[in-house]
Amino acid sequence: MLSNAYLMFLFDNSLLTLEGQDWRDRRVKLSPIFTSGKMKMMFETVNMMGEKLVDVLADNLSKTDALDMRDWSQKYTCDVIGNVAFGLDCQCR
């Protein structure tokens, strides 16, 4: 479990909560990563990973009535980041 101090650190340094010069500096670093062309290329991968997640969840739901969605969302996020950023199939299923 994450400590409250760590969660506050993450929140305080989130792009959504930054203001002024800190926000501008962070935005300048991140903007080239998220151009419309790159987002279009990422969409196919994110969509494919989402379809895999749906299949895995359907398979698991046939075995049990309850799922830990936090766990599954973490696995999905890890798969997407690994695939989009590094071209790796992390197989976090």
PDB file of N, CA and C in Angstrom:
ATOM      1  N   MET A   1       0.845  -1.183   0.000  1.00  0.00           N
ATOM      2  CA  MET A   1       0.000   0.000   0.000  1.00  0.00           C
ATOM      3  C   MET A   1       0.889   1.243   0.000  1.00  0.00           C
ATOM      4  N   LEU A   2       0.461   2.251  -0.725  1.00  0.00           N
ATOM      5  CA  LEU A   2       1.230   3.482  -0.795  1.00  0.00           C
ATOM      6  C   LEU A   2       0.985   4.326   0.454  1.00  0.00           C
ATOM      7  N   SER A   3       2.039   4.924   0.949  1.00  0.00           N
ATOM      8  CA  SER A   3       1.900   5.767   2.137  1.00  0.00           C
ATOM      9  C   SER A   3       1.225   7.090   1.762  1.00  0.00           C
ATOM     10  N   ASN A   4       0.631   7.724   2.736  1.00  0.00           N
ATOM     11  CA  ASN A   4      -0.022   9.010   2.500  1.00  0.00           C
ATOM     12  C   ASN A   4       0.972  10.069   2.041  1.00  0.00           C
ATOM     13  N   ALA A   5       2.185  10.041   2.589  1.00  0.00           N
ATOM     14  CA  ALA A   5       3.213  11.012   2.195  1.00  0.00           C
ATOM     15  C   ALA A   5       3.567  10.848   0.720  1.00  0.00           C
ATOM     16  N   TYR A   6       3.677   9.601   0.259  1.00  0.00           N
ATOM     17  CA  TYR A   6       4.000   9.349  -1.150  1.00  0.00           C
ATOM     18  C   TYR A   6       2.850   9.785  -2.054  1.00  0.00           C
ATOM     19  N   LEU A   7       1.620   9.497  -1.636  1.00  0.00           N
ATOM     20  CA  LEU A   7       0.463   9.921  -2.418  1.00  0.00           C
ATOM     21  C   LEU A   7       0.396  11.437  -2.523  1.00  0.00           C
ATOM     22  N   MET A   8       0.690  12.128  -1.431  1.00  0.00           N
ATOM     23  CA  MET A   8       0.696  13.587  -1.463  1.00  0.00           C
ATOM     24  C   MET A   8       1.806  14.114  -2.378  1.00  0.00           C
ATOM     25  N   PHE A   9       2.969  13.446  -2.368  1.00  0.00           N
ATOM     26  CA  PHE A   9       4.064  13.825  -3.268  1.00  0.00           C
ATOM     27  C   PHE A   9       3.617  13.682  -4.718  1.00  0.00           C
ATOM     28  N   LEU A  10       2.964  12.554  -5.052  1.00  0.00           N
ATOM     29  CA  LEU A  10       2.486  12.350  -6.413  1.00  0.00           C
ATOM     30  C   LEU A  10       1.462  13.396  -6.809  1.00  0.00           C
ATOM     31  N   PHE A  11       0.544  13.691  -5.898  1.00  0.00           N
ATOM     32  CA  PHE A  11      -0.492  14.680  -6.189  1.00  0.00           C
ATOM     33  C   PHE A  11       0.115  16.068  -6.363  1.00  0.00           C
ATOM     34  N   ASP A  12       1.023  16.437  -5.491  1.00  0.00           N
ATOM     35  CA  ASP A  12       1.630  17.762  -5.552  1.00  0.00           C
ATOM     36  C   ASP A  12       2.466  17.958  -6.815  1.00  0.00           C
ATOM     37  N   ASN A  13       2.997  16.886  -7.373  1.00  0.00           N
ATOM     38  CA  ASN A  13       3.851  16.973  -8.556  1.00  0.00           C
ATOM     39  C   ASN A  13       3.149  16.522  -9.821  1.00  0.00           C
ATOM     40  N   SER A  14       1.847  16.391  -9.765  1.00  0.00           N
ATOM     41  CA  SER A  14       1.067  15.988 -10.921  1.00  0.00           C
ATOM     42  C   SER A  14       0.935  17.156 -11.888  1.00  0.00           C
ATOM     43  N   LEU A  15       0.948  16.863 -13.163  1.00  0.00           N
ATOM     44  CA  LEU A  15       0.783  17.895 -14.176  1.00  0.00           C
ATOM     45  C   LEU A  15      -0.559  18.605 -14.013  1.00  0.00           C
ATOM     46  N   LEU A  16      -1.543  17.900 -13.464  1.00  0.00           N
ATOM     47  CA  LEU A  16      -2.873  18.496 -13.287  1.00  0.00           C
ATOM     48  C   LEU A  16      -2.919  19.521 -12.163  1.00  0.00           C
ATOM     49  N   THR A  17      -1.980  19.455 -11.233  1.00  0.00           N
ATOM     50  CA  THR A  17      -2.006  20.369 -10.091  1.00  0.00           C
ATOM     51  C   THR A  17      -0.920  21.436 -10.140  1.00  0.00           C
ATOM     52  N   LEU A  18      -0.004  21.334 -11.097  1.00  0.00           N
ATOM     53  CA  LEU A  18       1.055  22.338 -11.200  1.00  0.00           C
ATOM     54  C   LEU A  18       0.508  23.643 -11.755  1.00  0.00           C
ATOM     55  N   GLU A  19       1.160  24.730 -11.422  1.00  0.00           N
ATOM     56  CA  GLU A  19       0.770  26.046 -11.908  1.00  0.00           C
ATOM     57  C   GLU A  19       2.012  26.831 -12.304  1.00  0.00           C
ATOM     58  N   GLY A  20       1.796  27.895 -13.052  1.00  0.00           N
ATOM     59  CA  GLY A  20       2.853  28.837 -13.370  1.00  0.00           C
ATOM     60  C   GLY A  20       4.025  28.236 -14.125  1.00  0.00           C
ATOM     61  N   GLN A  21       5.219  28.630 -13.727  1.00  0.00           N
ATOM     62  CA  GLN A  21       6.439  28.217 -14.422  1.00  0.00           C
ATOM     63  C   GLN A  21       6.676  26.713 -14.339  1.00  0.00           C
ATOM     64  N   ASP A  22       6.345  26.099 -13.203  1.00  0.00           N
ATOM     65  CA  ASP A  22       6.503  24.641 -13.085  1.00  0.00           C
ATOM     66  C   ASP A  22       5.669  23.918 -14.137  1.00  0.00           C
ATOM     67  N   TRP A  23       4.432  24.387 -14.329  1.00  0.00           N
ATOM     68  CA  TRP A  23       3.552  23.778 -15.327  1.00  0.00           C
ATOM     69  C   TRP A  23       4.109  23.973 -16.736  1.00  0.00           C
ATOM     70  N   ARG A  24       4.565  25.183 -17.040  1.00  0.00           N
ATOM     71  CA  ARG A  24       5.120  25.466 -18.367  1.00  0.00           C
ATOM     72  C   ARG A  24       6.350  24.602 -18.657  1.00  0.00           C
ATOM     73  N   ASP A  25       7.230  24.482 -17.670  1.00  0.00           N
ATOM     74  CA  ASP A  25       8.439  23.668 -17.857  1.00  0.00           C
ATOM     75  C   ASP A  25       8.082  22.213 -18.138  1.00  0.00           C
ATOM     76  N   ARG A  26       7.146  21.665 -17.373  1.00  0.00           N
ATOM     77  CA  ARG A  26       6.736  20.273 -17.565  1.00  0.00           C
ATOM     78  C   ARG A  26       6.038  20.078 -18.910  1.00  0.00           C
ATOM     79  N   ARG A  27       5.209  21.044 -19.298  1.00  0.00           N
ATOM     80  CA  ARG A  27       4.482  20.952 -20.560  1.00  0.00           C
ATOM     81  C   ARG A  27       5.444  20.975 -21.748  1.00  0.00           C
ATOM     82  N   VAL A  28       6.471  21.807 -21.684  1.00  0.00           N
ATOM     83  CA  VAL A  28       7.466  21.886 -22.760  1.00  0.00           C
ATOM     84  C   VAL A  28       8.154  20.528 -22.954  1.00  0.00           C
ATOM     85  N   LYS A  29       8.402  19.821 -21.850  1.00  0.00           N
ATOM     86  CA  LYS A  29       9.056  18.518 -21.942  1.00  0.00           C
ATOM     87  C   LYS A  29       8.125  17.451 -22.511  1.00  0.00           C
ATOM     88  N   LEU A  30       6.836  17.530 -22.172  1.00  0.00           N
ATOM     89  CA  LEU A  30       5.900  16.481 -22.564  1.00  0.00           C
ATOM     90  C   LEU A  30       5.232  16.707 -23.911  1.00  0.00           C
ATOM     91  N   SER A  31       5.104  17.928 -24.357  1.00  0.00           N
ATOM     92  CA  SER A  31       4.375  18.226 -25.592  1.00  0.00           C
ATOM     93  C   SER A  31       4.871  17.454 -26.815  1.00  0.00           C
ATOM     94  N   PRO A  32       6.186  17.330 -27.045  1.00  0.00           N
ATOM     95  CA  PRO A  32       6.640  16.595 -28.236  1.00  0.00           C
ATOM     96  C   PRO A  32       6.257  15.106 -28.223  1.00  0.00           C
ATOM     97  N   ILE A  33       5.983  14.574 -27.056  1.00  0.00           N
ATOM     98  CA  ILE A  33       5.625  13.157 -26.954  1.00  0.00           C
ATOM     99  C   ILE A  33       4.208  12.913 -27.425  1.00  0.00           C
ATOM    100  N   PHE A  34       3.336  13.901 -27.243  1.00  0.00           N
ATOM    101  CA  PHE A  34       1.918  13.710 -27.503  1.00  0.00           C
ATOM    102  C   PHE A  34       1.407  14.539 -28.678  1.00  0.00           C
ATOM    103  N   THR A  35       2.120  14.507 -29.796  1.00  0.00           N
ATOM    104  CA  THR A  35       1.626  15.176 -30.996  1.00  0.00           C
ATOM    105  C   THR A  35       0.467  14.358 -31.562  1.00  0.00           C
ATOM    106  N   SER A  36      -0.327  14.971 -32.424  1.00  0.00           N
ATOM    107  CA  SER A  36      -1.491  14.265 -32.966  1.00  0.00           C
ATOM    108  C   SER A  36      -1.075  13.028 -33.757  1.00  0.00           C
ATOM    109  N   GLY A  37       0.012  13.115 -34.486  1.00  0.00           N
ATOM    110  CA  GLY A  37       0.483  11.952 -35.244  1.00  0.00           C
ATOM    111  C   GLY A  37       0.897  10.799 -34.347  1.00  0.00           C
ATOM    112  N   LYS A  38       1.596  11.116 -33.276  1.00  0.00           N
ATOM    113  CA  LYS A  38       2.024  10.067 -32.348  1.00  0.00           C
ATOM    114  C   LYS A  38       0.830   9.483 -31.600  1.00  0.00           C
ATOM    115  N   MET A  39      -0.149  10.324 -31.264  1.00  0.00           N
ATOM    116  CA  MET A  39      -1.342   9.821 -30.590  1.00  0.00           C
ATOM    117  C   MET A  39      -2.117   8.874 -31.503  1.00  0.00           C
ATOM    118  N   LYS A  40      -2.173   9.195 -32.796  1.00  0.00           N
ATOM    119  CA  LYS A  40      -2.857   8.312 -33.751  1.00  0.00           C
ATOM    120  C   LYS A  40      -2.154   6.962 -33.829  1.00  0.00           C
ATOM    121  N   MET A  41      -0.825   6.982 -33.805  1.00  0.00           N
ATOM    122  CA  MET A  41      -0.080   5.721 -33.834  1.00  0.00           C
ATOM    123  C   MET A  41      -0.300   4.924 -32.552  1.00  0.00           C
ATOM    124  N   MET A  42      -0.411   5.610 -31.419  1.00  0.00           N
ATOM    125  CA  MET A  42      -0.623   4.946 -30.133  1.00  0.00           C
ATOM    126  C   MET A  42      -2.022   4.342 -30.035  1.00  0.00           C
ATOM    127  N   PHE A  43      -2.988   4.942 -30.714  1.00  0.00           N
ATOM    128  CA  PHE A  43      -4.383   4.518 -30.573  1.00  0.00           C
ATOM    129  C   PHE A  43      -4.567   3.049 -30.915  1.00  0.00           C
ATOM    130  N   GLU A  44      -3.967   2.599 -31.997  1.00  0.00           N
ATOM    131  CA  GLU A  44      -4.112   1.199 -32.397  1.00  0.00           C
ATOM    132  C   GLU A  44      -3.607   0.255 -31.307  1.00  0.00           C
ATOM    133  N   THR A  45      -2.489   0.585 -30.719  1.00  0.00           N
ATOM    134  CA  THR A  45      -1.929  -0.250 -29.655  1.00  0.00           C
ATOM    135  C   THR A  45      -2.821  -0.236 -28.422  1.00  0.00           C
ATOM    136  N   VAL A  46      -3.270   0.941 -28.021  1.00  0.00           N
ATOM    137  CA  VAL A  46      -4.136   1.054 -26.847  1.00  0.00           C
ATOM    138  C   VAL A  46      -5.438   0.294 -27.088  1.00  0.00           C
ATOM    139  N   ASN A  47      -5.987   0.405 -28.283  1.00  0.00           N
ATOM    140  CA  ASN A  47      -7.220  -0.311 -28.632  1.00  0.00           C
ATOM    141  C   ASN A  47      -7.004  -1.823 -28.590  1.00  0.00           C
ATOM    142  N   MET A  48      -5.898  -2.298 -29.163  1.00  0.00           N
ATOM    143  CA  MET A  48      -5.587  -3.731 -29.163  1.00  0.00           C
ATOM    144  C   MET A  48      -5.429  -4.246 -27.733  1.00  0.00           C
ATOM    145  N   MET A  49      -4.731  -3.478 -26.897  1.00  0.00           N
ATOM    146  CA  MET A  49      -4.547  -3.891 -25.513  1.00  0.00           C
ATOM    147  C   MET A  49      -5.885  -3.905 -24.765  1.00  0.00           C
ATOM    148  N   GLY A  50      -6.761  -2.976 -25.093  1.00  0.00           N
ATOM    149  CA  GLY A  50      -8.087  -2.945 -24.486  1.00  0.00           C
ATOM    150  C   GLY A  50      -8.909  -4.165 -24.866  1.00  0.00           C
ATOM    151  N   GLU A  51      -8.809  -4.578 -26.124  1.00  0.00           N
ATOM    152  CA  GLU A  51      -9.523  -5.778 -26.567  1.00  0.00           C
ATOM    153  C   GLU A  51      -8.996  -7.024 -25.852  1.00  0.00           C
ATOM    154  N   LYS A  52      -7.684  -7.090 -25.660  1.00  0.00           N
ATOM    155  CA  LYS A  52      -7.108  -8.212 -24.909  1.00  0.00           C
ATOM    156  C   LYS A  52      -7.608  -8.211 -23.469  1.00  0.00           C
ATOM    157  N   LEU A  53      -7.690  -7.014 -22.872  1.00  0.00           N
ATOM    158  CA  LEU A  53      -8.183  -6.906 -21.504  1.00  0.00           C
ATOM    159  C   LEU A  53      -9.619  -7.402 -21.405  1.00  0.00           C
ATOM    160  N   VAL A  54     -10.451  -7.030 -22.353  1.00  0.00           N
ATOM    161  CA  VAL A  54     -11.847  -7.478 -22.351  1.00  0.00           C
ATOM    162  C   VAL A  54     -11.912  -9.001 -22.424  1.00  0.00           C
ATOM    163  N   ASP A  55     -11.088  -9.601 -23.274  1.00  0.00           N
ATOM    164  CA  ASP A  55     -11.067 -11.069 -23.397  1.00  0.00           C
ATOM    165  C   ASP A  55     -10.631 -11.733 -22.095  1.00  0.00           C
ATOM    166  N   VAL A  56      -9.586 -11.199 -21.483  1.00  0.00           N
ATOM    167  CA  VAL A  56      -9.078 -11.770 -20.236  1.00  0.00           C
ATOM    168  C   VAL A  56     -10.098 -11.610 -19.119  1.00  0.00           C
ATOM    169  N   LEU A  57     -10.735 -10.438 -19.041  1.00  0.00           N
ATOM    170  CA  LEU A  57     -11.746 -10.220 -18.015  1.00  0.00           C
ATOM    171  C   LEU A  57     -12.946 -11.142 -18.210  1.00  0.00           C
ATOM    172  N   ALA A  58     -13.363 -11.339 -19.454  1.00  0.00           N
ATOM    173  CA  ALA A  58     -14.486 -12.243 -19.728  1.00  0.00           C
ATOM    174  C   ALA A  58     -14.130 -13.665 -19.309  1.00  0.00           C
ATOM    175  N   ASP A  59     -12.899 -14.067 -19.602  1.00  0.00           N
ATOM    176  CA  ASP A  59     -12.452 -15.408 -19.211  1.00  0.00           C
ATOM    177  C   ASP A  59     -12.448 -15.552 -17.690  1.00  0.00           C
ATOM    178  N   ASN A  60     -11.945 -14.541 -16.993  1.00  0.00           N
ATOM    179  CA  ASN A  60     -11.897 -14.596 -15.527  1.00  0.00           C
ATOM    180  C   ASN A  60     -13.285 -14.512 -14.902  1.00  0.00           C
ATOM    181  N   LEU A  61     -14.187 -13.759 -15.530  1.00  0.00           N
ATOM    182  CA  LEU A  61     -15.545 -13.666 -15.006  1.00  0.00           C
ATOM    183  C   LEU A  61     -16.300 -14.987 -15.135  1.00  0.00           C
ATOM    184  N   SER A  62     -15.902 -15.808 -16.101  1.00  0.00           N
ATOM    185  CA  SER A  62     -16.542 -17.119 -16.234  1.00  0.00           C
ATOM    186  C   SER A  62     -16.109 -18.060 -15.108  1.00  0.00           C
ATOM    187  N   LYS A  63     -14.995 -17.733 -14.450  1.00  0.00           N
ATOM    188  CA  LYS A  63     -14.465 -18.566 -13.366  1.00  0.00           C
ATOM    189  C   LYS A  63     -14.861 -18.054 -11.981  1.00  0.00           C
ATOM    190  N   THR A  64     -15.108 -16.746 -11.866  1.00  0.00           N
ATOM    191  CA  THR A  64     -15.393 -16.148 -10.556  1.00  0.00           C
ATOM    192  C   THR A  64     -16.423 -15.035 -10.718  1.00  0.00           C
ATOM    193  N   ASP A  65     -17.045 -14.654  -9.614  1.00  0.00           N
ATOM    194  CA  ASP A  65     -18.059 -13.599  -9.660  1.00  0.00           C
ATOM    195  C   ASP A  65     -17.486 -12.210  -9.401  1.00  0.00           C
ATOM    196  N   ALA A  66     -16.312 -12.128  -8.820  1.00  0.00           N
ATOM    197  CA  ALA A  66     -15.737 -10.833  -8.450  1.00  0.00           C
ATOM    198  C   ALA A  66     -14.336 -10.691  -9.027  1.00  0.00           C
ATOM    199  N   LEU A  67     -14.020  -9.477  -9.429  1.00  0.00           N
ATOM    200  CA  LEU A  67     -12.686  -9.169  -9.954  1.00  0.00           C
ATOM    201  C   LEU A  67     -12.121  -7.981  -9.192  1.00  0.00           C
ATOM    202  N   ASP A  68     -10.823  -7.979  -9.005  1.00  0.00           N
ATOM    203  CA  ASP A  68     -10.137  -6.841  -8.405  1.00  0.00           C
ATOM    204  C   ASP A  68      -9.770  -5.883  -9.537  1.00  0.00           C
ATOM    205  N   MET A  69     -10.637  -4.908  -9.778  1.00  0.00           N
ATOM    206  CA  MET A  69     -10.441  -4.020 -10.924  1.00  0.00           C
ATOM    207  C   MET A  69      -9.215  -3.125 -10.764  1.00  0.00           C
ATOM    208  N   ARG A  70      -8.820  -2.843  -9.553  1.00  0.00           N
ATOM    209  CA  ARG A  70      -7.599  -2.059  -9.364  1.00  0.00           C
ATOM    210  C   ARG A  70      -6.404  -2.836  -9.909  1.00  0.00           C
ATOM    211  N   ASP A  71      -6.339  -4.100  -9.590  1.00  0.00           N
ATOM    212  CA  ASP A  71      -5.266  -4.959 -10.072  1.00  0.00           C
ATOM    213  C   ASP A  71      -5.281  -5.042 -11.597  1.00  0.00           C
ATOM    214  N   TRP A  72      -6.460  -5.242 -12.164  1.00  0.00           N
ATOM    215  CA  TRP A  72      -6.557  -5.361 -13.621  1.00  0.00           C
ATOM    216  C   TRP A  72      -6.245  -4.050 -14.326  1.00  0.00           C
ATOM    217  N   SER A  73      -6.646  -2.927 -13.741  1.00  0.00           N
ATOM    218  CA  SER A  73      -6.329  -1.645 -14.371  1.00  0.00           C
ATOM    219  C   SER A  73      -4.825  -1.359 -14.307  1.00  0.00           C
ATOM    220  N   GLN A  74      -4.168  -1.787 -13.226  1.00  0.00           N
ATOM    221  CA  GLN A  74      -2.713  -1.633 -13.132  1.00  0.00           C
ATOM    222  C   GLN A  74      -2.012  -2.493 -14.188  1.00  0.00           C
ATOM    223  N   LYS A  75      -2.490  -3.702 -14.380  1.00  0.00           N
ATOM    224  CA  LYS A  75      -1.903  -4.581 -15.400  1.00  0.00           C
ATOM    225  C   LYS A  75      -2.091  -3.995 -16.789  1.00  0.00           C
ATOM    226  N   TYR A  76      -3.287  -3.484 -17.058  1.00  0.00           N
ATOM    227  CA  TYR A  76      -3.576  -2.879 -18.358  1.00  0.00           C
ATOM    228  C   TYR A  76      -2.670  -1.671 -18.597  1.00  0.00           C
ATOM    229  N   THR A  77      -2.553  -0.813 -17.599  1.00  0.00           N
ATOM    230  CA  THR A  77      -1.710   0.377 -17.728  1.00  0.00           C
ATOM    231  C   THR A  77      -0.256  -0.001 -17.980  1.00  0.00           C
ATOM    232  N   CYS A  78       0.231  -0.998 -17.256  1.00  0.00           N
ATOM    233  CA  CYS A  78       1.615  -1.465 -17.449  1.00  0.00           C
ATOM    234  C   CYS A  78       1.802  -2.010 -18.862  1.00  0.00           C
ATOM    235  N   ASP A  79       0.826  -2.789 -19.345  1.00  0.00           N
ATOM    236  CA  ASP A  79       0.906  -3.326 -20.699  1.00  0.00           C
ATOM    237  C   ASP A  79       0.935  -2.216 -21.744  1.00  0.00           C
ATOM    238  N   VAL A  80       0.069  -1.224 -21.584  1.00  0.00           N
ATOM    239  CA  VAL A  80      -0.010  -0.135 -22.558  1.00  0.00           C
ATOM    240  C   VAL A  80       1.280   0.678 -22.553  1.00  0.00           C
ATOM    241  N   ILE A  81       1.757   1.065 -21.393  1.00  0.00           N
ATOM    242  CA  ILE A  81       2.984   1.866 -21.317  1.00  0.00           C
ATOM    243  C   ILE A  81       4.169   1.077 -21.859  1.00  0.00           C
ATOM    244  N   GLY A  82       4.284  -0.178 -21.474  1.00  0.00           N
ATOM    245  CA  GLY A  82       5.381  -1.007 -21.969  1.00  0.00           C
ATOM    246  C   GLY A  82       5.363  -1.148 -23.478  1.00  0.00           C
ATOM    247  N   ASN A  83       4.168  -1.312 -24.033  1.00  0.00           N
ATOM    248  CA  ASN A  83       4.054  -1.506 -25.470  1.00  0.00           C
ATOM    249  C   ASN A  83       4.242  -0.206 -26.240  1.00  0.00           C
ATOM    250  N   VAL A  84       3.588   0.862 -25.804  1.00  0.00           N
ATOM    251  CA  VAL A  84       3.673   2.142 -26.520  1.00  0.00           C
ATOM    252  C   VAL A  84       5.056   2.767 -26.369  1.00  0.00           C
ATOM    253  N   ALA A  85       5.570   2.800 -25.151  1.00  0.00           N
ATOM    254  CA  ALA A  85       6.824   3.503 -24.902  1.00  0.00           C
ATOM    255  C   ALA A  85       8.061   2.696 -25.293  1.00  0.00           C
ATOM    256  N   PHE A  86       7.997   1.377 -25.065  1.00  0.00           N
ATOM    257  CA  PHE A  86       9.202   0.572 -25.251  1.00  0.00           C
ATOM    258  C   PHE A  86       9.068  -0.547 -26.278  1.00  0.00           C
ATOM    259  N   GLY A  87       7.876  -0.752 -26.813  1.00  0.00           N
ATOM    260  CA  GLY A  87       7.659  -1.805 -27.802  1.00  0.00           C
ATOM    261  C   GLY A  87       7.730  -3.206 -27.200  1.00  0.00           C
ATOM    262  N   LEU A  88       7.453  -3.319 -25.911  1.00  0.00           N
ATOM    263  CA  LEU A  88       7.527  -4.606 -25.226  1.00  0.00           C
ATOM    264  C   LEU A  88       6.132  -5.142 -24.932  1.00  0.00           C
ATOM    265  N   ASP A  89       5.958  -6.449 -25.078  1.00  0.00           N
ATOM    266  CA  ASP A  89       4.720  -7.084 -24.657  1.00  0.00           C
ATOM    267  C   ASP A  89       4.961  -7.606 -23.249  1.00  0.00           C
ATOM    268  N   CYS A  90       4.529  -6.850 -22.249  1.00  0.00           N
ATOM    269  CA  CYS A  90       4.817  -7.166 -20.850  1.00  0.00           C
ATOM    270  C   CYS A  90       4.048  -8.366 -20.333  1.00  0.00           C
ATOM    271  N   GLN A  91       2.955  -8.723 -21.004  1.00  0.00           N
ATOM    272  CA  GLN A  91       2.121  -9.870 -20.630  1.00  0.00           C
ATOM    273  C   GLN A  91       1.761  -9.835 -19.138  1.00  0.00           C
ATOM    274  N   CYS A  92       1.200  -8.737 -18.718  1.00  0.00           N
ATOM    275  CA  CYS A  92       0.796  -8.571 -17.321  1.00  0.00           C
ATOM    276  C   CYS A  92      -0.555  -9.204 -17.029  1.00  0.00           C
ATOM    277  N   ARG A  93      -0.977 -10.105 -17.851  1.00  0.00           N
ATOM    278  CA  ARG A  93      -2.311 -10.705 -17.702  1.00  0.00           C
ATOM    279  C   ARG A  93      -2.351 -11.604 -16.517  1.00  0.00           C
TER     280      ARG A  93
END
